[in-house]
């Protein structure tokens, strides 16, 4: 399976359990690996023959603009399902990290993997 990757996508979003996290946006980092379906392997240089990572980034940003997630686990699941359902990916790995959310911790977060990689 061919895989598109998007590394260190940073978005300012509402995420967290605490009351202040429901009002103040935090920078969250996303790292994605997106499986390209066999039918999406380009046979030419036309972007329409594969998954357009620019559209993936724009759609993720749009879907998170006015949404609050309590748990980073639920946020990662949301992004994974969006990529699979809207872009036809058979497999996706999404890592979500809150940056400097705790004193002495550079990043903390979760990785989810959904779908089937096939062979």
N, C-alpha and C. Protein backbone atom coordinates (compact mmCIF):
# COMPACT_ATOMS: atom_id res chain seq x y z
N UNK A 1 0.85 -1.18 0.00
CA UNK A 1 0.00 0.00 0.00
C UNK A 1 0.89 1.24 0.00
N UNK A 2 0.54 2.17 -0.86
CA UNK A 2 1.23 3.46 -0.86
C UNK A 2 0.63 4.32 0.25
N UNK A 3 1.47 5.17 0.83
CA UNK A 3 1.04 5.98 1.98
C UNK A 3 1.47 7.43 1.76
N UNK A 4 0.51 8.33 1.93
CA UNK A 4 0.78 9.76 1.97
C UNK A 4 0.99 10.11 3.44
N UNK A 5 1.98 10.96 3.73
CA UNK A 5 2.14 11.40 5.11
C UNK A 5 2.07 12.92 5.20
N UNK A 6 1.53 13.36 6.32
CA UNK A 6 1.45 14.79 6.66
C UNK A 6 2.06 14.90 8.05
N UNK A 7 3.17 15.61 8.16
CA UNK A 7 3.88 15.71 9.43
C UNK A 7 3.81 17.11 10.01
N UNK A 8 3.61 17.16 11.31
CA UNK A 8 3.65 18.40 12.08
C UNK A 8 2.66 19.47 11.60
N UNK A 9 1.46 19.03 11.27
CA UNK A 9 0.37 19.98 11.00
C UNK A 9 -0.03 20.58 12.34
N UNK A 10 0.05 21.88 12.46
CA UNK A 10 -0.27 22.54 13.73
C UNK A 10 -1.50 23.42 13.55
N UNK A 11 -2.49 23.19 14.41
CA UNK A 11 -3.74 23.94 14.40
C UNK A 11 -4.04 24.43 15.81
N UNK A 12 -4.60 25.60 15.90
CA UNK A 12 -5.05 26.13 17.19
C UNK A 12 -6.52 25.78 17.35
N UNK A 13 -6.80 24.90 18.30
CA UNK A 13 -8.17 24.40 18.48
C UNK A 13 -8.55 24.36 19.95
N UNK A 14 -9.83 24.10 20.19
CA UNK A 14 -10.33 23.92 21.55
C UNK A 14 -10.33 22.44 21.88
N UNK A 15 -9.52 22.06 22.88
CA UNK A 15 -9.45 20.67 23.28
C UNK A 15 -9.02 20.61 24.74
N UNK A 16 -9.71 19.79 25.52
CA UNK A 16 -9.30 19.60 26.90
C UNK A 16 -10.44 19.45 27.87
N UNK A 17 -10.08 18.95 29.02
CA UNK A 17 -11.03 18.64 30.09
C UNK A 17 -11.34 19.86 30.95
N UNK A 18 -10.33 20.68 31.19
CA UNK A 18 -10.48 21.78 32.14
C UNK A 18 -11.27 22.95 31.57
N UNK A 19 -11.88 23.71 32.46
CA UNK A 19 -12.73 24.83 32.06
C UNK A 19 -11.98 25.83 31.18
N UNK A 20 -10.74 26.15 31.55
CA UNK A 20 -9.98 27.12 30.75
C UNK A 20 -9.72 26.60 29.35
N UNK A 21 -9.65 25.26 29.17
CA UNK A 21 -9.40 24.68 27.86
C UNK A 21 -10.63 24.77 26.95
N UNK A 22 -11.75 25.08 27.52
CA UNK A 22 -12.98 25.24 26.73
C UNK A 22 -13.11 26.65 26.16
N UNK A 23 -12.22 27.54 26.61
CA UNK A 23 -12.26 28.94 26.16
C UNK A 23 -11.01 29.35 25.40
N UNK A 24 -9.88 28.76 25.74
CA UNK A 24 -8.60 29.17 25.15
C UNK A 24 -8.11 28.11 24.16
N UNK A 25 -7.88 28.52 22.95
CA UNK A 25 -7.36 27.60 21.94
C UNK A 25 -5.93 27.20 22.28
N UNK A 26 -5.61 25.95 21.97
CA UNK A 26 -4.27 25.43 22.18
C UNK A 26 -3.71 24.95 20.84
N UNK A 27 -2.41 25.06 20.69
CA UNK A 27 -1.79 24.52 19.48
C UNK A 27 -1.66 23.01 19.65
N UNK A 28 -2.20 22.31 18.67
CA UNK A 28 -2.17 20.86 18.66
C UNK A 28 -1.47 20.42 17.38
N UNK A 29 -0.61 19.43 17.51
CA UNK A 29 0.13 18.91 16.36
C UNK A 29 -0.47 17.60 15.89
N UNK A 30 -0.64 17.49 14.59
CA UNK A 30 -1.17 16.28 13.97
C UNK A 30 -0.10 15.69 13.05
N UNK A 31 0.04 14.37 13.12
CA UNK A 31 0.87 13.62 12.19
C UNK A 31 -0.01 12.52 11.63
N UNK A 32 -0.10 12.46 10.30
CA UNK A 32 -0.98 11.50 9.66
C UNK A 32 -0.23 10.65 8.66
N UNK A 33 -0.61 9.39 8.59
CA UNK A 33 -0.22 8.50 7.51
C UNK A 33 -1.52 8.01 6.91
N UNK A 34 -1.67 8.20 5.60
CA UNK A 34 -2.93 7.93 4.92
C UNK A 34 -2.69 6.92 3.81
N UNK A 35 -3.33 5.76 3.93
CA UNK A 35 -3.21 4.74 2.90
C UNK A 35 -3.97 5.15 1.65
N UNK A 36 -3.33 4.96 0.51
CA UNK A 36 -3.97 5.26 -0.77
C UNK A 36 -4.57 3.97 -1.30
N UNK A 37 -5.87 3.99 -1.62
CA UNK A 37 -6.47 2.77 -2.17
C UNK A 37 -5.81 2.43 -3.51
N UNK A 38 -5.80 1.14 -3.87
CA UNK A 38 -5.20 0.73 -5.14
C UNK A 38 -5.76 1.52 -6.30
N UNK A 39 -7.04 1.83 -6.25
CA UNK A 39 -7.65 2.61 -7.33
C UNK A 39 -7.19 4.06 -7.33
N UNK A 40 -6.51 4.49 -6.27
CA UNK A 40 -6.05 5.86 -6.16
C UNK A 40 -4.59 6.04 -6.51
N UNK A 41 -3.95 5.00 -6.99
CA UNK A 41 -2.55 5.13 -7.42
C UNK A 41 -2.53 5.86 -8.76
N UNK A 42 -1.87 7.00 -8.80
CA UNK A 42 -1.91 7.78 -10.04
C UNK A 42 -1.21 7.08 -11.20
N UNK A 43 -1.83 7.16 -12.35
CA UNK A 43 -1.25 6.61 -13.56
C UNK A 43 -0.73 7.73 -14.45
N UNK A 44 -0.93 8.95 -13.98
CA UNK A 44 -0.45 10.14 -14.68
C UNK A 44 -0.09 11.18 -13.61
N UNK A 45 0.09 12.39 -14.02
CA UNK A 45 0.40 13.46 -13.07
C UNK A 45 -0.85 14.24 -12.66
N UNK A 46 -2.02 13.67 -12.80
CA UNK A 46 -3.26 14.36 -12.43
C UNK A 46 -3.58 14.12 -10.96
N UNK A 47 -3.74 15.20 -10.21
CA UNK A 47 -4.01 15.12 -8.77
C UNK A 47 -5.32 14.38 -8.48
N UNK A 48 -6.24 14.43 -9.41
CA UNK A 48 -7.53 13.76 -9.22
C UNK A 48 -7.43 12.25 -9.16
N UNK A 49 -6.26 11.71 -9.47
CA UNK A 49 -6.09 10.26 -9.44
C UNK A 49 -5.55 9.74 -8.11
N UNK A 50 -5.41 10.63 -7.13
CA UNK A 50 -4.90 10.21 -5.82
C UNK A 50 -5.61 11.02 -4.74
N UNK A 51 -5.18 10.90 -3.52
CA UNK A 51 -5.72 11.71 -2.43
C UNK A 51 -4.94 13.02 -2.37
N UNK A 52 -5.64 14.11 -2.45
CA UNK A 52 -5.04 15.45 -2.46
C UNK A 52 -4.77 15.87 -1.02
N UNK A 53 -3.51 15.85 -0.61
CA UNK A 53 -3.18 16.16 0.79
C UNK A 53 -3.51 17.60 1.14
N UNK A 54 -3.49 18.50 0.17
CA UNK A 54 -3.90 19.88 0.43
C UNK A 54 -5.36 19.96 0.85
N UNK A 55 -6.20 19.16 0.19
CA UNK A 55 -7.62 19.12 0.55
C UNK A 55 -7.82 18.44 1.90
N UNK A 56 -7.00 17.45 2.20
CA UNK A 56 -7.09 16.78 3.51
C UNK A 56 -6.80 17.79 4.62
N UNK A 57 -5.71 18.54 4.48
CA UNK A 57 -5.34 19.53 5.49
C UNK A 57 -6.44 20.58 5.65
N UNK A 58 -6.93 21.09 4.54
CA UNK A 58 -7.98 22.11 4.59
C UNK A 58 -9.25 21.57 5.25
N UNK A 59 -9.61 20.34 4.94
CA UNK A 59 -10.84 19.75 5.50
C UNK A 59 -10.70 19.50 6.99
N UNK A 60 -9.53 19.05 7.44
CA UNK A 60 -9.31 18.85 8.87
C UNK A 60 -9.43 20.18 9.59
N UNK A 61 -8.76 21.21 9.08
CA UNK A 61 -8.81 22.54 9.71
C UNK A 61 -10.24 23.05 9.77
N UNK A 62 -10.98 22.88 8.69
CA UNK A 62 -12.37 23.33 8.64
C UNK A 62 -13.23 22.59 9.68
N UNK A 63 -13.04 21.29 9.79
CA UNK A 63 -13.88 20.50 10.69
C UNK A 63 -13.60 20.81 12.16
N UNK A 64 -12.40 21.34 12.45
CA UNK A 64 -12.03 21.60 13.84
C UNK A 64 -12.17 23.07 14.24
N UNK A 65 -12.51 23.92 13.29
CA UNK A 65 -12.53 25.36 13.54
C UNK A 65 -13.45 25.76 14.70
N UNK A 66 -14.62 25.17 14.79
CA UNK A 66 -15.58 25.57 15.82
C UNK A 66 -16.04 24.41 16.68
N UNK A 67 -15.19 23.41 16.81
CA UNK A 67 -15.55 22.21 17.58
C UNK A 67 -14.65 22.10 18.80
N UNK A 68 -15.22 21.68 19.92
CA UNK A 68 -14.44 21.42 21.13
C UNK A 68 -14.46 19.92 21.42
N UNK A 69 -13.29 19.37 21.62
CA UNK A 69 -13.16 17.98 22.04
C UNK A 69 -12.63 17.97 23.46
N UNK A 70 -13.19 17.13 24.31
CA UNK A 70 -12.71 16.99 25.67
C UNK A 70 -11.43 16.14 25.67
N UNK A 71 -11.45 15.04 24.95
CA UNK A 71 -10.34 14.10 24.95
C UNK A 71 -9.58 14.12 23.62
N UNK A 72 -8.24 14.05 23.69
CA UNK A 72 -7.46 13.96 22.46
C UNK A 72 -7.75 12.63 21.75
N UNK A 73 -8.14 11.61 22.50
CA UNK A 73 -8.49 10.33 21.88
C UNK A 73 -9.68 10.50 20.94
N UNK A 74 -10.67 11.24 21.38
CA UNK A 74 -11.86 11.48 20.55
C UNK A 74 -11.52 12.36 19.35
N UNK A 75 -10.64 13.33 19.55
CA UNK A 75 -10.17 14.19 18.46
C UNK A 75 -9.47 13.36 17.39
N UNK A 76 -8.58 12.46 17.80
CA UNK A 76 -7.87 11.60 16.85
C UNK A 76 -8.85 10.71 16.09
N UNK A 77 -9.84 10.17 16.79
CA UNK A 77 -10.85 9.33 16.14
C UNK A 77 -11.64 10.13 15.11
N UNK A 78 -12.00 11.35 15.43
CA UNK A 78 -12.72 12.23 14.51
C UNK A 78 -11.91 12.43 13.22
N UNK A 79 -10.64 12.73 13.35
CA UNK A 79 -9.79 12.97 12.18
C UNK A 79 -9.63 11.69 11.37
N UNK A 80 -9.43 10.56 12.03
CA UNK A 80 -9.28 9.29 11.32
C UNK A 80 -10.53 8.96 10.51
N UNK A 81 -11.70 9.11 11.12
CA UNK A 81 -12.94 8.81 10.41
C UNK A 81 -13.18 9.78 9.25
N UNK A 82 -12.85 11.04 9.45
CA UNK A 82 -13.00 12.03 8.39
C UNK A 82 -12.17 11.63 7.17
N UNK A 83 -10.91 11.28 7.39
CA UNK A 83 -10.02 10.92 6.29
C UNK A 83 -10.52 9.68 5.56
N UNK A 84 -10.94 8.68 6.32
CA UNK A 84 -11.40 7.44 5.70
C UNK A 84 -12.71 7.65 4.94
N UNK A 85 -13.65 8.34 5.53
CA UNK A 85 -14.97 8.49 4.92
C UNK A 85 -14.99 9.49 3.77
N UNK A 86 -14.32 10.61 3.93
CA UNK A 86 -14.40 11.66 2.92
C UNK A 86 -13.36 11.53 1.80
N UNK A 87 -12.27 10.83 2.08
CA UNK A 87 -11.21 10.72 1.08
C UNK A 87 -10.97 9.29 0.60
N UNK A 88 -11.74 8.35 1.13
CA UNK A 88 -11.69 6.98 0.65
C UNK A 88 -10.44 6.20 1.02
N UNK A 89 -9.76 6.61 2.07
CA UNK A 89 -8.56 5.88 2.49
C UNK A 89 -8.97 4.59 3.19
N UNK A 90 -8.33 3.47 2.83
CA UNK A 90 -8.66 2.20 3.50
C UNK A 90 -7.99 2.05 4.86
N UNK A 91 -6.98 2.89 5.12
CA UNK A 91 -6.21 2.79 6.36
C UNK A 91 -5.64 4.16 6.70
N UNK A 92 -5.62 4.47 7.99
CA UNK A 92 -5.04 5.74 8.43
C UNK A 92 -4.45 5.59 9.82
N UNK A 93 -3.36 6.30 10.05
CA UNK A 93 -2.77 6.41 11.39
C UNK A 93 -2.72 7.90 11.70
N UNK A 94 -3.31 8.28 12.84
CA UNK A 94 -3.37 9.69 13.23
C UNK A 94 -2.76 9.83 14.63
N UNK A 95 -1.78 10.71 14.73
CA UNK A 95 -1.22 11.07 16.03
C UNK A 95 -1.61 12.51 16.33
N UNK A 96 -2.08 12.72 17.56
CA UNK A 96 -2.48 14.05 18.01
C UNK A 96 -1.68 14.35 19.27
N UNK A 97 -1.01 15.50 19.28
CA UNK A 97 -0.20 15.87 20.44
C UNK A 97 -0.53 17.29 20.88
N UNK A 98 -0.81 17.44 22.16
CA UNK A 98 -0.91 18.77 22.76
C UNK A 98 0.52 19.19 23.08
N UNK A 99 0.85 20.42 22.74
CA UNK A 99 2.22 20.92 22.92
C UNK A 99 2.33 21.68 24.23
N UNK A 100 3.29 21.29 25.05
CA UNK A 100 3.57 21.97 26.32
C UNK A 100 2.33 22.08 27.20
N UNK A 101 1.51 21.04 27.22
CA UNK A 101 0.28 21.06 28.01
C UNK A 101 0.56 20.88 29.51
N UNK A 102 1.66 20.24 29.83
CA UNK A 102 2.05 20.04 31.22
C UNK A 102 3.47 20.55 31.41
N UNK A 103 3.74 21.08 32.57
CA UNK A 103 5.09 21.56 32.89
C UNK A 103 6.08 20.41 32.75
N UNK A 104 7.14 20.67 32.01
CA UNK A 104 8.19 19.68 31.84
C UNK A 104 7.91 18.65 30.75
N UNK A 105 6.78 18.77 30.06
CA UNK A 105 6.42 17.82 29.01
C UNK A 105 6.32 18.58 27.69
N UNK A 106 7.13 18.18 26.72
CA UNK A 106 7.14 18.86 25.43
C UNK A 106 5.87 18.56 24.64
N UNK A 107 5.50 17.29 24.58
CA UNK A 107 4.31 16.86 23.84
C UNK A 107 3.66 15.71 24.57
N UNK A 108 2.33 15.66 24.51
CA UNK A 108 1.61 14.49 25.02
C UNK A 108 0.42 14.26 24.13
N UNK A 109 0.05 13.01 23.97
CA UNK A 109 -1.06 12.75 23.05
C UNK A 109 -1.34 11.30 22.87
N UNK A 110 -1.86 10.99 21.68
CA UNK A 110 -2.33 9.64 21.38
C UNK A 110 -2.15 9.37 19.89
N UNK A 111 -2.01 8.09 19.56
CA UNK A 111 -1.99 7.64 18.17
C UNK A 111 -3.08 6.61 18.00
N UNK A 112 -3.90 6.76 16.95
CA UNK A 112 -4.91 5.76 16.61
C UNK A 112 -4.62 5.27 15.20
N UNK A 113 -4.93 4.01 14.97
CA UNK A 113 -4.80 3.41 13.66
C UNK A 113 -6.12 2.75 13.32
N UNK A 114 -6.66 3.08 12.15
CA UNK A 114 -7.96 2.56 11.76
C UNK A 114 -7.90 2.01 10.35
N UNK A 115 -8.74 1.02 10.09
CA UNK A 115 -8.82 0.42 8.76
C UNK A 115 -7.86 -0.74 8.61
N UNK A 116 -7.65 -1.13 7.36
CA UNK A 116 -6.81 -2.28 7.06
C UNK A 116 -5.74 -1.87 6.06
N UNK A 117 -4.51 -2.20 6.39
CA UNK A 117 -3.38 -1.88 5.49
C UNK A 117 -3.33 -2.81 4.30
N UNK A 118 -3.95 -3.96 4.40
CA UNK A 118 -3.85 -4.92 3.29
C UNK A 118 -2.43 -5.42 3.13
N UNK A 119 -2.16 -5.98 1.99
CA UNK A 119 -0.80 -6.48 1.74
C UNK A 119 -0.26 -5.89 0.47
